[in-house]
Amino acid sequence: MEIQDLSITLDVDVDFRPALGMGDFDPLSTFQFHLEVKTEASDEEVNRVKQLTDERCPAVWAMKNPVPHHVSVTTMA
């Protein structure tokens, strides 16, 4: 399948109130990925590639699995 053009956007709302101790809210809304693809492939082929991509996407994997992280803090002079 050849892709002539591809555009991906992500919509997500972030609520910083919980991090600031201002209430118990979900800090993130649903991740909404929007893809626009220019191709001569059929809808069936595009949907097959989308399914494979969903299974292999590192961002989707990270949302389903704990990811080790480290936060460091330094003071500014």
N, C-alpha and C. Protein backbone atom coordinates (compact mmCIF):
# COMPACT_ATOMS: atom_id res chain seq x y z
N MET A 1 0.85 -1.18 0.00
CA MET A 1 0.00 0.00 0.00
C MET A 1 0.89 1.23 0.00
N GLU A 2 0.71 2.10 -0.97
CA GLU A 2 1.48 3.33 -1.04
C GLU A 2 0.69 4.48 -0.43
N ILE A 3 1.36 5.28 0.37
CA ILE A 3 0.74 6.45 0.99
C ILE A 3 1.38 7.69 0.39
N GLN A 4 0.57 8.54 -0.23
CA GLN A 4 1.09 9.78 -0.81
C GLN A 4 1.22 10.89 0.24
N ASP A 5 0.33 10.89 1.20
CA ASP A 5 0.35 11.92 2.24
C ASP A 5 -0.32 11.38 3.49
N LEU A 6 0.15 11.84 4.64
CA LEU A 6 -0.40 11.39 5.92
C LEU A 6 -0.31 12.52 6.92
N SER A 7 -1.42 12.76 7.61
CA SER A 7 -1.47 13.78 8.66
C SER A 7 -2.06 13.14 9.91
N ILE A 8 -1.41 13.37 11.05
CA ILE A 8 -1.89 12.82 12.32
C ILE A 8 -1.97 13.96 13.33
N THR A 9 -3.11 14.05 13.99
CA THR A 9 -3.24 15.00 15.10
C THR A 9 -3.76 14.25 16.32
N LEU A 10 -3.47 14.80 17.47
CA LEU A 10 -3.93 14.23 18.74
C LEU A 10 -4.62 15.32 19.52
N ASP A 11 -5.82 15.01 19.98
CA ASP A 11 -6.54 15.92 20.87
C ASP A 11 -6.64 15.26 22.24
N VAL A 12 -6.23 15.99 23.27
CA VAL A 12 -6.36 15.53 24.64
C VAL A 12 -6.42 16.77 25.54
N ASP A 13 -7.27 16.72 26.53
CA ASP A 13 -7.36 17.80 27.51
C ASP A 13 -6.59 17.38 28.76
N VAL A 14 -5.80 18.31 29.29
CA VAL A 14 -5.03 18.06 30.50
C VAL A 14 -5.56 18.99 31.59
N ASP A 15 -5.91 18.41 32.74
CA ASP A 15 -6.43 19.17 33.87
C ASP A 15 -5.37 19.13 34.98
N PHE A 16 -4.74 20.26 35.23
CA PHE A 16 -3.66 20.32 36.21
C PHE A 16 -4.15 20.51 37.65
N ARG A 17 -5.45 20.64 37.86
CA ARG A 17 -5.96 20.85 39.22
C ARG A 17 -5.55 19.74 40.18
N PRO A 18 -5.61 18.45 39.79
CA PRO A 18 -5.18 17.41 40.74
C PRO A 18 -3.70 17.54 41.13
N ALA A 19 -2.85 17.88 40.17
CA ALA A 19 -1.41 18.03 40.47
C ALA A 19 -1.16 19.19 41.43
N LEU A 20 -2.06 20.17 41.42
CA LEU A 20 -1.92 21.34 42.29
C LEU A 20 -2.69 21.19 43.60
N GLY A 21 -3.24 19.99 43.83
CA GLY A 21 -3.98 19.73 45.06
C GLY A 21 -5.33 20.42 45.11
N MET A 22 -5.92 20.69 43.97
CA MET A 22 -7.17 21.44 43.91
C MET A 22 -8.38 20.56 43.63
N GLY A 23 -8.28 19.28 43.93
CA GLY A 23 -9.44 18.42 43.74
C GLY A 23 -9.05 17.07 43.18
N ASP A 24 -10.04 16.20 43.15
CA ASP A 24 -9.83 14.84 42.68
C ASP A 24 -10.54 14.69 41.34
N PHE A 25 -9.82 14.97 40.26
CA PHE A 25 -10.37 14.90 38.92
C PHE A 25 -9.48 14.00 38.07
N ASP A 26 -10.04 13.46 36.99
CA ASP A 26 -9.19 12.76 36.03
C ASP A 26 -8.29 13.79 35.37
N PRO A 27 -6.97 13.58 35.38
CA PRO A 27 -6.07 14.59 34.83
C PRO A 27 -6.05 14.63 33.30
N LEU A 28 -6.48 13.55 32.65
CA LEU A 28 -6.44 13.50 31.19
C LEU A 28 -7.79 13.05 30.63
N SER A 29 -8.16 13.63 29.50
CA SER A 29 -9.34 13.17 28.79
C SER A 29 -8.94 12.00 27.88
N THR A 30 -9.90 11.50 27.16
CA THR A 30 -9.63 10.44 26.19
C THR A 30 -8.68 10.96 25.11
N PHE A 31 -7.70 10.16 24.76
CA PHE A 31 -6.80 10.51 23.67
C PHE A 31 -7.55 10.29 22.35
N GLN A 32 -7.66 11.31 21.54
CA GLN A 32 -8.35 11.23 20.26
C GLN A 32 -7.32 11.41 19.15
N PHE A 33 -6.94 10.31 18.50
CA PHE A 33 -6.02 10.38 17.37
C PHE A 33 -6.85 10.56 16.09
N HIS A 34 -6.47 11.50 15.25
CA HIS A 34 -7.15 11.76 13.98
C HIS A 34 -6.13 11.60 12.86
N LEU A 35 -6.40 10.69 11.95
CA LEU A 35 -5.49 10.46 10.83
C LEU A 35 -6.20 10.76 9.52
N GLU A 36 -5.49 11.44 8.65
CA GLU A 36 -5.95 11.66 7.29
C GLU A 36 -4.89 11.06 6.37
N VAL A 37 -5.31 10.22 5.47
CA VAL A 37 -4.36 9.54 4.59
C VAL A 37 -4.77 9.73 3.14
N LYS A 38 -3.77 10.02 2.32
CA LYS A 38 -4.00 10.11 0.88
C LYS A 38 -3.38 8.87 0.25
N THR A 39 -4.21 8.03 -0.34
CA THR A 39 -3.76 6.78 -0.92
C THR A 39 -4.79 6.30 -1.94
N GLU A 40 -4.34 5.46 -2.81
CA GLU A 40 -5.25 4.83 -3.77
C GLU A 40 -5.73 3.47 -3.25
N ALA A 41 -5.30 3.10 -2.06
CA ALA A 41 -5.70 1.82 -1.46
C ALA A 41 -7.18 1.85 -1.11
N SER A 42 -7.76 0.67 -1.04
CA SER A 42 -9.18 0.55 -0.68
C SER A 42 -9.36 0.84 0.81
N ASP A 43 -10.59 1.13 1.21
CA ASP A 43 -10.90 1.33 2.63
C ASP A 43 -10.53 0.09 3.44
N GLU A 44 -10.74 -1.08 2.85
CA GLU A 44 -10.41 -2.33 3.54
C GLU A 44 -8.91 -2.41 3.80
N GLU A 45 -8.09 -2.05 2.83
CA GLU A 45 -6.63 -2.07 3.02
C GLU A 45 -6.20 -1.05 4.06
N VAL A 46 -6.78 0.13 4.01
CA VAL A 46 -6.44 1.18 4.98
C VAL A 46 -6.82 0.72 6.39
N ASN A 47 -7.98 0.12 6.56
CA ASN A 47 -8.40 -0.36 7.87
C ASN A 47 -7.51 -1.50 8.37
N ARG A 48 -7.02 -2.34 7.46
CA ARG A 48 -6.10 -3.41 7.85
C ARG A 48 -4.79 -2.82 8.37
N VAL A 49 -4.26 -1.81 7.68
CA VAL A 49 -3.03 -1.15 8.13
C VAL A 49 -3.27 -0.43 9.45
N LYS A 50 -4.45 0.19 9.61
CA LYS A 50 -4.77 0.86 10.88
C LYS A 50 -4.76 -0.13 12.03
N GLN A 51 -5.34 -1.31 11.82
CA GLN A 51 -5.37 -2.33 12.87
C GLN A 51 -3.94 -2.75 13.24
N LEU A 52 -3.10 -2.97 12.25
CA LEU A 52 -1.70 -3.34 12.53
C LEU A 52 -0.98 -2.22 13.27
N THR A 53 -1.25 -0.99 12.88
CA THR A 53 -0.63 0.15 13.54
C THR A 53 -1.08 0.27 14.99
N ASP A 54 -2.38 0.07 15.24
CA ASP A 54 -2.89 0.09 16.61
C ASP A 54 -2.16 -0.94 17.47
N GLU A 55 -1.88 -2.10 16.90
CA GLU A 55 -1.20 -3.17 17.64
C GLU A 55 0.27 -2.87 17.88
N ARG A 56 0.88 -2.03 17.04
CA ARG A 56 2.34 -1.80 17.11
C ARG A 56 2.73 -0.41 17.60
N CYS A 57 1.78 0.48 17.76
CA CYS A 57 2.08 1.88 18.09
C CYS A 57 2.70 2.01 19.49
N PRO A 58 3.87 2.63 19.60
CA PRO A 58 4.50 2.80 20.92
C PRO A 58 3.65 3.65 21.87
N ALA A 59 2.94 4.65 21.35
CA ALA A 59 2.12 5.49 22.22
C ALA A 59 0.96 4.69 22.81
N VAL A 60 0.32 3.87 22.00
CA VAL A 60 -0.77 3.03 22.49
C VAL A 60 -0.22 2.01 23.49
N TRP A 61 0.93 1.44 23.20
CA TRP A 61 1.55 0.48 24.12
C TRP A 61 1.80 1.16 25.47
N ALA A 62 2.34 2.37 25.45
CA ALA A 62 2.66 3.08 26.69
C ALA A 62 1.41 3.39 27.50
N MET A 63 0.28 3.59 26.84
CA MET A 63 -0.96 3.85 27.57
C MET A 63 -1.53 2.59 28.20
N LYS A 64 -1.12 1.43 27.71
CA LYS A 64 -1.63 0.16 28.22
C LYS A 64 -0.68 -0.50 29.22
N ASN A 65 0.55 -0.03 29.31
CA ASN A 65 1.57 -0.67 30.14
C ASN A 65 2.28 0.36 31.00
N PRO A 66 2.64 -0.03 32.22
CA PRO A 66 3.42 0.90 33.05
C PRO A 66 4.77 1.19 32.38
N VAL A 67 5.12 2.45 32.32
CA VAL A 67 6.38 2.87 31.71
C VAL A 67 7.26 3.45 32.81
N PRO A 68 8.47 2.90 32.98
CA PRO A 68 9.37 3.47 33.99
C PRO A 68 9.63 4.94 33.68
N HIS A 69 9.72 5.73 34.71
CA HIS A 69 10.02 7.14 34.51
C HIS A 69 10.80 7.67 35.71
N HIS A 70 11.44 8.78 35.50
CA HIS A 70 12.23 9.42 36.54
C HIS A 70 12.01 10.92 36.42
N VAL A 71 11.80 11.57 37.52
CA VAL A 71 11.64 13.01 37.56
C VAL A 71 12.76 13.58 38.43
N SER A 72 13.49 14.52 37.88
CA SER A 72 14.54 15.18 38.67
C SER A 72 14.17 16.65 38.85
N VAL A 73 14.63 17.20 39.95
CA VAL A 73 14.35 18.61 40.25
C VAL A 73 15.67 19.28 40.60
N THR A 74 15.89 20.44 40.01
CA THR A 74 17.03 21.26 40.38
C THR A 74 16.52 22.67 40.68
N THR A 75 17.17 23.33 41.58
CA THR A 75 16.79 24.70 41.89
C THR A 75 17.58 25.65 41.01
N MET A 76 16.96 26.75 40.67
CA MET A 76 17.62 27.76 39.86
C MET A 76 18.20 28.82 40.76
N ALA A 77 19.34 29.33 40.37
CA ALA A 77 20.00 30.39 41.16
C ALA A 77 19.39 31.73 40.88
